[in-house]
């Protein structure tokens, strides 16, 4: 098969995949479909890349770029994340700022997308078109992760309540406690006290419950949500902890029911 013909075959194959609602493909499936040599495959892939019909995201995993996204040179995360994580053989859910955006709690679309995944570590995807950070978590219950329909199928996304907990737990990944509080101020309207308590009971980090409760109670005046969290905390032992774990403090007093040492100022005027 000549390289020019190979390109035409692959180009039509991509059109066929798009007609089936697919936005991704792997190198292995193309090689298998057309019985290509590695040299023929590489030449055809390079030509498709040069013409901006495809974009390689990781290893042999590619995005099919339709005309309406040719300027961006990539696709929205929702178009490919489920296929990507199946390709990587990892359980996942879309979380943190990205999930908050889906729940209507974002001043603007975050430049970096966040995916929570099971270990081991995965390198972030960072290039001119995409910035995706993978946050590791050993386990979670699918009860707190929903499936949301997209133009390309479905994606796993954290519930508003799990999103709130993760925003605090992974605060260092999104810019700190101030950023967490800013997003929580908008996300709070989506939180249900009973489901927040149920989600918190299954969350392994007690210190996260303390910090989230403190932010909801002391800064955002979300009393019903805070009380629901406190009922979970009071059933076990918890101890004084700094609001910002990355910052030391000479003050070791925790003048609140959450036993939070307020070692940073979270300016509510910024919320």
C-alpha atoms as a PDB file:
ATOM      1  CA  UNK A   1       0.000   0.000   0.000  1.00  0.00           C
ATOM      2  CA  UNK A   2       1.593   3.290  -1.099  1.00  0.00           C
ATOM      3  CA  UNK A   3       1.928   6.034   1.498  1.00  0.00           C
ATOM      4  CA  UNK A   4      -0.466   8.337  -0.406  1.00  0.00           C
ATOM      5  CA  UNK A   5      -3.092   5.609  -0.523  1.00  0.00           C
ATOM      6  CA  UNK A   6      -2.483   4.830   3.138  1.00  0.00           C
ATOM      7  CA  UNK A   7      -3.188   8.442   4.018  1.00  0.00           C
ATOM      8  CA  UNK A   8      -6.430   8.428   2.023  1.00  0.00           C
ATOM      9  CA  UNK A   9      -7.548   5.165   3.635  1.00  0.00           C
ATOM     10  CA  UNK A  10      -6.822   6.519   7.104  1.00  0.00           C
ATOM     11  CA  UNK A  11      -8.505   9.822   6.328  1.00  0.00           C
ATOM     12  CA  UNK A  12     -11.673   8.034   5.275  1.00  0.00           C
ATOM     13  CA  UNK A  13     -11.397   5.765   8.317  1.00  0.00           C
ATOM     14  CA  UNK A  14     -11.379   8.830  10.570  1.00  0.00           C
ATOM     15  CA  UNK A  15     -14.496  10.096   8.805  1.00  0.00           C
ATOM     16  CA  UNK A  16     -16.087   6.713   9.454  1.00  0.00           C
ATOM     17  CA  UNK A  17     -15.208   6.877  13.173  1.00  0.00           C
ATOM     18  CA  UNK A  18     -16.646  10.375  13.419  1.00  0.00           C
ATOM     19  CA  UNK A  19     -19.862   9.190  11.766  1.00  0.00           C
ATOM     20  CA  UNK A  20     -20.125   6.690  14.625  1.00  0.00           C
ATOM     21  CA  UNK A  21     -19.753   9.450  17.217  1.00  0.00           C
ATOM     22  CA  UNK A  22     -16.115   8.736  18.035  1.00  0.00           C
ATOM     23  CA  UNK A  23     -13.486  11.398  18.598  1.00  0.00           C
ATOM     24  CA  UNK A  24     -10.507   9.166  19.410  1.00  0.00           C
ATOM     25  CA  UNK A  25      -8.515   6.241  18.070  1.00  0.00           C
ATOM     26  CA  UNK A  26      -5.393   4.293  18.955  1.00  0.00           C
ATOM     27  CA  UNK A  27      -2.417   3.433  16.825  1.00  0.00           C
ATOM     28  CA  UNK A  28      -2.875  -0.274  17.470  1.00  0.00           C
ATOM     29  CA  UNK A  29      -6.403  -0.357  16.084  1.00  0.00           C
ATOM     30  CA  UNK A  30      -5.319   1.476  12.910  1.00  0.00           C
ATOM     31  CA  UNK A  31      -2.368  -0.847  12.335  1.00  0.00           C
ATOM     32  CA  UNK A  32      -4.619  -3.848  12.868  1.00  0.00           C
ATOM     33  CA  UNK A  33      -7.400  -2.493  10.649  1.00  0.00           C
ATOM     34  CA  UNK A  34      -5.128  -1.881   7.646  1.00  0.00           C
ATOM     35  CA  UNK A  35      -2.310  -4.357   8.347  1.00  0.00           C
ATOM     36  CA  UNK A  36       0.224  -1.528   8.082  1.00  0.00           C
ATOM     37  CA  UNK A  37       3.959  -1.637   8.435  1.00  0.00           C
ATOM     38  CA  UNK A  38       5.345   0.667  11.089  1.00  0.00           C
ATOM     39  CA  UNK A  39       6.915   2.884   8.430  1.00  0.00           C
ATOM     40  CA  UNK A  40       3.650   3.298   6.482  1.00  0.00           C
ATOM     41  CA  UNK A  41       1.750   3.961   9.681  1.00  0.00           C
ATOM     42  CA  UNK A  42       4.198   6.616  10.885  1.00  0.00           C
ATOM     43  CA  UNK A  43       4.143   8.444   7.527  1.00  0.00           C
ATOM     44  CA  UNK A  44       0.341   8.510   7.372  1.00  0.00           C
ATOM     45  CA  UNK A  45       0.041   9.637  11.012  1.00  0.00           C
ATOM     46  CA  UNK A  46       2.574  12.409  10.434  1.00  0.00           C
ATOM     47  CA  UNK A  47       0.674  13.646   7.390  1.00  0.00           C
ATOM     48  CA  UNK A  48      -2.621  13.641   9.287  1.00  0.00           C
ATOM     49  CA  UNK A  49      -0.923  15.568  12.089  1.00  0.00           C
ATOM     50  CA  UNK A  50       0.559  18.092   9.666  1.00  0.00           C
ATOM     51  CA  UNK A  51      -2.899  18.693   8.236  1.00  0.00           C
ATOM     52  CA  UNK A  52      -4.209  19.134  11.808  1.00  0.00           C
ATOM     53  CA  UNK A  53      -6.747  16.354  11.412  1.00  0.00           C
ATOM     54  CA  UNK A  54      -5.452  14.555  14.488  1.00  0.00           C
ATOM     55  CA  UNK A  55      -3.579  15.341  17.684  1.00  0.00           C
ATOM     56  CA  UNK A  56      -1.570  12.873  19.755  1.00  0.00           C
ATOM     57  CA  UNK A  57      -2.529  13.092  23.404  1.00  0.00           C
ATOM     58  CA  UNK A  58      -0.482  10.317  25.006  1.00  0.00           C
ATOM     59  CA  UNK A  59       1.545   7.410  23.650  1.00  0.00           C
ATOM     60  CA  UNK A  60      -0.502   5.927  20.800  1.00  0.00           C
ATOM     61  CA  UNK A  61      -3.753   7.645  21.754  1.00  0.00           C
ATOM     62  CA  UNK A  62      -5.029  10.251  19.293  1.00  0.00           C
ATOM     63  CA  UNK A  63      -7.813  12.799  19.073  1.00  0.00           C
ATOM     64  CA  UNK A  64      -9.741  13.296  15.854  1.00  0.00           C
ATOM     65  CA  UNK A  65     -10.041  17.057  15.327  1.00  0.00           C
ATOM     66  CA  UNK A  66     -13.204  18.106  13.466  1.00  0.00           C
ATOM     67  CA  UNK A  67     -13.178  21.404  11.506  1.00  0.00           C
ATOM     68  CA  UNK A  68     -14.934  23.355  14.259  1.00  0.00           C
ATOM     69  CA  UNK A  69     -12.014  22.631  16.620  1.00  0.00           C
ATOM     70  CA  UNK A  70      -9.169  23.007  14.100  1.00  0.00           C
ATOM     71  CA  UNK A  71      -8.162  26.425  15.443  1.00  0.00           C
ATOM     72  CA  UNK A  72      -7.832  25.061  18.984  1.00  0.00           C
ATOM     73  CA  UNK A  73      -6.088  21.925  17.773  1.00  0.00           C
ATOM     74  CA  UNK A  74      -7.729  19.882  20.498  1.00  0.00           C
ATOM     75  CA  UNK A  75     -11.089  18.863  21.974  1.00  0.00           C
ATOM     76  CA  UNK A  76     -12.948  19.583  25.207  1.00  0.00           C
ATOM     77  CA  UNK A  77     -12.059  17.108  27.938  1.00  0.00           C
ATOM     78  CA  UNK A  78     -15.567  15.648  27.921  1.00  0.00           C
ATOM     79  CA  UNK A  79     -15.092  14.427  24.335  1.00  0.00           C
ATOM     80  CA  UNK A  80     -12.220  12.090  25.131  1.00  0.00           C
ATOM     81  CA  UNK A  81     -11.531  11.574  28.838  1.00  0.00           C
ATOM     82  CA  UNK A  82     -13.548   8.341  29.112  1.00  0.00           C
ATOM     83  CA  UNK A  83     -11.775   6.825  26.097  1.00  0.00           C
ATOM     84  CA  UNK A  84      -8.408   8.032  27.404  1.00  0.00           C
ATOM     85  CA  UNK A  85      -8.843   6.450  30.829  1.00  0.00           C
ATOM     86  CA  UNK A  86     -10.032   3.179  29.286  1.00  0.00           C
ATOM     87  CA  UNK A  87      -6.925   3.256  27.082  1.00  0.00           C
ATOM     88  CA  UNK A  88      -4.799   3.784  30.215  1.00  0.00           C
ATOM     89  CA  UNK A  89      -6.800   1.097  32.069  1.00  0.00           C
ATOM     90  CA  UNK A  90      -7.584   3.349  35.046  1.00  0.00           C
ATOM     91  CA  UNK A  91     -10.730   4.034  37.023  1.00  0.00           C
ATOM     92  CA  UNK A  92     -11.332   7.764  37.198  1.00  0.00           C
ATOM     93  CA  UNK A  93     -13.670  10.662  37.695  1.00  0.00           C
ATOM     94  CA  UNK A  94     -13.535  14.267  36.573  1.00  0.00           C
ATOM     95  CA  UNK A  95     -13.102  16.353  39.728  1.00  0.00           C
ATOM     96  CA  UNK A  96     -11.977  19.527  41.486  1.00  0.00           C
ATOM     97  CA  UNK A  97     -12.238  22.752  39.440  1.00  0.00           C
ATOM     98  CA  UNK A  98     -13.382  20.862  36.356  1.00  0.00           C
ATOM     99  CA  UNK A  99     -16.251  19.189  38.205  1.00  0.00           C
ATOM    100  CA  UNK A 100     -17.109  22.479  39.914  1.00  0.00           C
ATOM    101  CA  UNK A 101     -17.420  24.076  36.476  1.00  0.00           C
ATOM    102  CA  UNK A 102     -19.898  21.366  35.415  1.00  0.00           C
ATOM    103  CA  UNK A 103     -21.877  22.073  38.588  1.00  0.00           C
ATOM    104  CA  UNK A 104     -21.994  25.783  37.751  1.00  0.00           C
ATOM    105  CA  UNK A 105     -19.377  26.900  40.285  1.00  0.00           C
ATOM    106  CA  UNK A 106     -16.588  28.579  38.360  1.00  0.00           C
ATOM    107  CA  UNK A 107     -15.893  32.232  37.605  1.00  0.00           C
ATOM    108  CA  UNK A 108     -14.284  31.127  34.368  1.00  0.00           C
ATOM    109  CA  UNK A 109     -13.362  27.881  32.676  1.00  0.00           C
ATOM    110  CA  UNK A 110     -10.193  26.596  34.351  1.00  0.00           C
ATOM    111  CA  UNK A 111      -7.163  26.422  32.083  1.00  0.00           C
ATOM    112  CA  UNK A 112      -6.078  23.187  33.744  1.00  0.00           C
ATOM    113  CA  UNK A 113      -8.428  20.209  33.784  1.00  0.00           C
ATOM    114  CA  UNK A 114      -8.468  17.827  36.753  1.00  0.00           C
ATOM    115  CA  UNK A 115      -9.001  14.080  36.701  1.00  0.00           C
ATOM    116  CA  UNK A 116      -8.930  11.947  39.853  1.00  0.00           C
ATOM    117  CA  UNK A 117      -7.451   8.530  39.146  1.00  0.00           C
ATOM    118  CA  UNK A 118      -6.362   5.412  40.947  1.00  0.00           C
ATOM    119  CA  UNK A 119      -2.579   4.893  41.417  1.00  0.00           C
ATOM    120  CA  UNK A 120       0.125   4.585  40.242  1.00  0.00           C
ATOM    121  CA  UNK A 121       1.321   8.067  39.367  1.00  0.00           C
ATOM    122  CA  UNK A 122       0.596   9.438  35.918  1.00  0.00           C
ATOM    123  CA  UNK A 123       2.457  12.304  34.349  1.00  0.00           C
ATOM    124  CA  UNK A 124       0.299  15.354  33.653  1.00  0.00           C
ATOM    125  CA  UNK A 125      -0.500  16.166  30.051  1.00  0.00           C
ATOM    126  CA  UNK A 126       0.856  19.604  29.266  1.00  0.00           C
ATOM    127  CA  UNK A 127       1.270  21.097  25.813  1.00  0.00           C
ATOM    128  CA  UNK A 128       0.059  24.109  23.869  1.00  0.00           C
ATOM    129  CA  UNK A 129      -3.399  22.606  23.497  1.00  0.00           C
ATOM    130  CA  UNK A 130      -4.033  20.749  26.755  1.00  0.00           C
ATOM    131  CA  UNK A 131      -3.250  20.895  30.456  1.00  0.00           C
ATOM    132  CA  UNK A 132      -4.549  17.903  32.390  1.00  0.00           C
ATOM    133  CA  UNK A 133      -3.515  17.060  35.965  1.00  0.00           C
ATOM    134  CA  UNK A 134      -4.131  13.597  37.421  1.00  0.00           C
ATOM    135  CA  UNK A 135      -4.770  13.544  41.177  1.00  0.00           C
ATOM    136  CA  UNK A 136      -4.326  10.141  42.786  1.00  0.00           C
ATOM    137  CA  UNK A 137      -6.798   8.487  45.128  1.00  0.00           C
ATOM    138  CA  UNK A 138      -6.641   4.858  46.215  1.00  0.00           C
ATOM    139  CA  UNK A 139     -10.360   4.244  46.284  1.00  0.00           C
ATOM    140  CA  UNK A 140     -13.781   5.854  46.205  1.00  0.00           C
ATOM    141  CA  UNK A 141     -17.391   4.760  46.093  1.00  0.00           C
ATOM    142  CA  UNK A 142     -19.198   5.034  42.783  1.00  0.00           C
ATOM    143  CA  UNK A 143     -22.188   6.172  44.842  1.00  0.00           C
ATOM    144  CA  UNK A 144     -20.619   9.633  44.946  1.00  0.00           C
ATOM    145  CA  UNK A 145     -19.680   9.724  41.269  1.00  0.00           C
ATOM    146  CA  UNK A 146     -22.291  10.274  38.585  1.00  0.00           C
ATOM    147  CA  UNK A 147     -22.313   9.605  34.862  1.00  0.00           C
ATOM    148  CA  UNK A 148     -22.977  12.676  32.783  1.00  0.00           C
ATOM    149  CA  UNK A 149     -23.969  12.509  29.138  1.00  0.00           C
ATOM    150  CA  UNK A 150     -21.748  14.350  26.662  1.00  0.00           C
ATOM    151  CA  UNK A 151     -21.577  14.744  22.889  1.00  0.00           C
ATOM    152  CA  UNK A 152     -19.227  11.751  22.833  1.00  0.00           C
ATOM    153  CA  UNK A 153     -20.950   9.445  25.311  1.00  0.00           C
ATOM    154  CA  UNK A 154     -20.626   9.632  29.087  1.00  0.00           C
ATOM    155  CA  UNK A 155     -18.042  10.796  31.593  1.00  0.00           C
ATOM    156  CA  UNK A 156     -17.624  10.041  35.298  1.00  0.00           C
ATOM    157  CA  UNK A 157     -17.868  13.199  37.389  1.00  0.00           C
ATOM    158  CA  UNK A 158     -17.795  13.768  41.142  1.00  0.00           C
ATOM    159  CA  UNK A 159     -21.016  14.822  42.855  1.00  0.00           C
ATOM    160  CA  UNK A 160     -21.141  18.390  44.207  1.00  0.00           C
ATOM    161  CA  UNK A 161     -20.524  17.024  47.708  1.00  0.00           C
ATOM    162  CA  UNK A 162     -17.466  14.952  46.745  1.00  0.00           C
ATOM    163  CA  UNK A 163     -16.238  17.893  44.689  1.00  0.00           C
ATOM    164  CA  UNK A 164     -16.413  20.122  47.781  1.00  0.00           C
ATOM    165  CA  UNK A 165     -14.378  17.664  49.845  1.00  0.00           C
ATOM    166  CA  UNK A 166     -11.809  17.215  47.085  1.00  0.00           C
ATOM    167  CA  UNK A 167     -11.432  20.981  46.630  1.00  0.00           C
ATOM    168  CA  UNK A 168     -10.162  21.129  50.210  1.00  0.00           C
ATOM    169  CA  UNK A 169      -8.235  17.850  50.213  1.00  0.00           C
ATOM    170  CA  UNK A 170      -6.340  18.760  47.020  1.00  0.00           C
ATOM    171  CA  UNK A 171      -6.216  22.507  47.718  1.00  0.00           C
ATOM    172  CA  UNK A 172      -2.480  22.615  47.015  1.00  0.00           C
ATOM    173  CA  UNK A 173      -3.139  21.376  43.471  1.00  0.00           C
ATOM    174  CA  UNK A 174      -5.552  24.191  42.610  1.00  0.00           C
ATOM    175  CA  UNK A 175      -3.795  27.194  44.129  1.00  0.00           C
ATOM    176  CA  UNK A 176      -4.428  26.970  47.859  1.00  0.00           C
ATOM    177  CA  UNK A 177      -7.190  27.397  50.443  1.00  0.00           C
ATOM    178  CA  UNK A 178      -8.228  30.800  49.084  1.00  0.00           C
ATOM    179  CA  UNK A 179      -9.008  29.258  45.702  1.00  0.00           C
ATOM    180  CA  UNK A 180     -10.901  26.430  47.390  1.00  0.00           C
ATOM    181  CA  UNK A 181     -13.000  28.895  49.386  1.00  0.00           C
ATOM    182  CA  UNK A 182     -13.713  30.985  46.291  1.00  0.00           C
ATOM    183  CA  UNK A 183     -15.144  28.013  44.410  1.00  0.00           C
ATOM    184  CA  UNK A 184     -16.960  26.661  47.483  1.00  0.00           C
ATOM    185  CA  UNK A 185     -18.810  29.982  47.803  1.00  0.00           C
ATOM    186  CA  UNK A 186     -20.487  29.240  44.462  1.00  0.00           C
ATOM    187  CA  UNK A 187     -20.712  25.461  44.861  1.00  0.00           C
ATOM    188  CA  UNK A 188     -22.505  25.663  48.224  1.00  0.00           C
ATOM    189  CA  UNK A 189     -25.890  26.225  46.588  1.00  0.00           C
ATOM    190  CA  UNK A 190     -25.594  22.765  44.983  1.00  0.00           C
ATOM    191  CA  UNK A 191     -24.767  20.946  48.231  1.00  0.00           C
ATOM    192  CA  UNK A 192     -27.358  18.941  50.139  1.00  0.00           C
ATOM    193  CA  UNK A 193     -26.739  18.613  53.920  1.00  0.00           C
ATOM    194  CA  UNK A 194     -27.792  14.959  54.162  1.00  0.00           C
ATOM    195  CA  UNK A 195     -25.776  13.866  51.149  1.00  0.00           C
ATOM    196  CA  UNK A 196     -22.790  15.946  52.271  1.00  0.00           C
ATOM    197  CA  UNK A 197     -22.841  14.088  55.592  1.00  0.00           C
ATOM    198  CA  UNK A 198     -23.143  10.725  53.856  1.00  0.00           C
ATOM    199  CA  UNK A 199     -20.267  11.548  51.507  1.00  0.00           C
ATOM    200  CA  UNK A 200     -18.156  12.790  54.417  1.00  0.00           C
ATOM    201  CA  UNK A 201     -18.689   9.531  56.316  1.00  0.00           C
ATOM    202  CA  UNK A 202     -17.004   7.682  53.460  1.00  0.00           C
ATOM    203  CA  UNK A 203     -14.150  10.208  53.146  1.00  0.00           C
ATOM    204  CA  UNK A 204     -10.947   8.958  54.739  1.00  0.00           C
ATOM    205  CA  UNK A 205      -9.348  12.279  55.744  1.00  0.00           C
ATOM    206  CA  UNK A 206     -10.818  13.699  58.952  1.00  0.00           C
ATOM    207  CA  UNK A 207      -8.708  16.859  58.607  1.00  0.00           C
ATOM    208  CA  UNK A 208     -10.451  17.593  55.311  1.00  0.00           C
ATOM    209  CA  UNK A 209     -13.827  17.466  57.053  1.00  0.00           C
ATOM    210  CA  UNK A 210     -12.516  19.890  59.670  1.00  0.00           C
ATOM    211  CA  UNK A 211     -11.198  22.367  57.104  1.00  0.00           C
ATOM    212  CA  UNK A 212     -14.297  22.176  54.908  1.00  0.00           C
ATOM    213  CA  UNK A 213     -16.565  22.580  57.936  1.00  0.00           C
ATOM    214  CA  UNK A 214     -14.583  25.601  59.092  1.00  0.00           C
ATOM    215  CA  UNK A 215     -14.833  27.281  55.678  1.00  0.00           C
ATOM    216  CA  UNK A 216     -18.557  26.612  55.387  1.00  0.00           C
ATOM    217  CA  UNK A 217     -19.241  27.698  58.961  1.00  0.00           C
ATOM    218  CA  UNK A 218     -16.870  30.544  59.767  1.00  0.00           C
ATOM    219  CA  UNK A 219     -16.453  32.125  56.339  1.00  0.00           C
ATOM    220  CA  UNK A 220     -19.482  31.292  54.226  1.00  0.00           C
ATOM    221  CA  UNK A 221     -22.126  31.145  56.981  1.00  0.00           C
ATOM    222  CA  UNK A 222     -23.552  27.934  55.492  1.00  0.00           C
ATOM    223  CA  UNK A 223     -24.843  26.760  58.860  1.00  0.00           C
ATOM    224  CA  UNK A 224     -26.965  23.803  57.705  1.00  0.00           C
ATOM    225  CA  UNK A 225     -24.118  22.362  55.669  1.00  0.00           C
ATOM    226  CA  UNK A 226     -21.627  22.959  58.463  1.00  0.00           C
ATOM    227  CA  UNK A 227     -23.891  21.354  61.077  1.00  0.00           C
ATOM    228  CA  UNK A 228     -24.307  18.260  58.875  1.00  0.00           C
ATOM    229  CA  UNK A 229     -20.533  17.895  58.652  1.00  0.00           C
ATOM    230  CA  UNK A 230     -20.076  18.461  62.364  1.00  0.00           C
ATOM    231  CA  UNK A 231     -22.449  15.609  63.180  1.00  0.00           C
ATOM    232  CA  UNK A 232     -20.087  13.310  61.300  1.00  0.00           C
ATOM    233  CA  UNK A 233     -17.015  14.668  63.066  1.00  0.00           C
ATOM    234  CA  UNK A 234     -18.416  14.497  66.585  1.00  0.00           C
ATOM    235  CA  UNK A 235     -18.922  10.742  66.257  1.00  0.00           C
ATOM    236  CA  UNK A 236     -15.158  10.241  66.355  1.00  0.00           C
ATOM    237  CA  UNK A 237     -11.971  11.791  67.648  1.00  0.00           C
ATOM    238  CA  UNK A 238     -10.387  14.762  65.936  1.00  0.00           C
ATOM    239  CA  UNK A 239      -7.565  17.047  66.932  1.00  0.00           C
ATOM    240  CA  UNK A 240      -6.326  20.592  66.301  1.00  0.00           C
ATOM    241  CA  UNK A 241      -5.039  21.118  62.765  1.00  0.00           C
ATOM    242  CA  UNK A 242      -3.792  24.110  60.783  1.00  0.00           C
ATOM    243  CA  UNK A 243      -6.130  25.568  58.185  1.00  0.00           C
ATOM    244  CA  UNK A 244      -3.216  25.704  55.741  1.00  0.00           C
ATOM    245  CA  UNK A 245      -1.117  22.572  56.239  1.00  0.00           C
ATOM    246  CA  UNK A 246       1.736  24.082  54.202  1.00  0.00           C
ATOM    247  CA  UNK A 247       2.201  27.077  56.511  1.00  0.00           C
ATOM    248  CA  UNK A 248       3.656  26.947  60.037  1.00  0.00           C
ATOM    249  CA  UNK A 249       2.103  28.939  62.848  1.00  0.00           C
ATOM    250  CA  UNK A 250       3.251  30.007  66.292  1.00  0.00           C
ATOM    251  CA  UNK A 251      -0.382  30.246  67.310  1.00  0.00           C
ATOM    252  CA  UNK A 252      -1.619  26.810  68.320  1.00  0.00           C
ATOM    253  CA  UNK A 253      -5.053  27.898  69.508  1.00  0.00           C
ATOM    254  CA  UNK A 254      -8.127  26.591  67.744  1.00  0.00           C
ATOM    255  CA  UNK A 255     -10.960  28.909  68.883  1.00  0.00           C
ATOM    256  CA  UNK A 256     -13.754  27.114  67.046  1.00  0.00           C
ATOM    257  CA  UNK A 257     -15.656  23.843  67.184  1.00  0.00           C
ATOM    258  CA  UNK A 258     -13.696  22.482  64.222  1.00  0.00           C
ATOM    259  CA  UNK A 259     -10.402  22.639  66.140  1.00  0.00           C
ATOM    260  CA  UNK A 260      -8.939  24.572  63.211  1.00  0.00           C
ATOM    261  CA  UNK A 261      -5.892  26.748  63.841  1.00  0.00           C
ATOM    262  CA  UNK A 262      -6.515  29.768  61.544  1.00  0.00           C
ATOM    263  CA  UNK A 263      -2.893  30.227  60.438  1.00  0.00           C
ATOM    264  CA  UNK A 264      -3.864  32.101  57.250  1.00  0.00           C
ATOM    265  CA  UNK A 265      -6.407  34.777  56.493  1.00  0.00           C
ATOM    266  CA  UNK A 266      -9.045  33.886  53.954  1.00  0.00           C
ATOM    267  CA  UNK A 267     -10.388  37.251  52.820  1.00  0.00           C
ATOM    268  CA  UNK A 268     -14.137  36.881  52.389  1.00  0.00           C
ATOM    269  CA  UNK A 269     -14.170  40.054  50.289  1.00  0.00           C
ATOM    270  CA  UNK A 270     -12.458  38.019  47.558  1.00  0.00           C
ATOM    271  CA  UNK A 271     -15.247  35.454  47.489  1.00  0.00           C
END
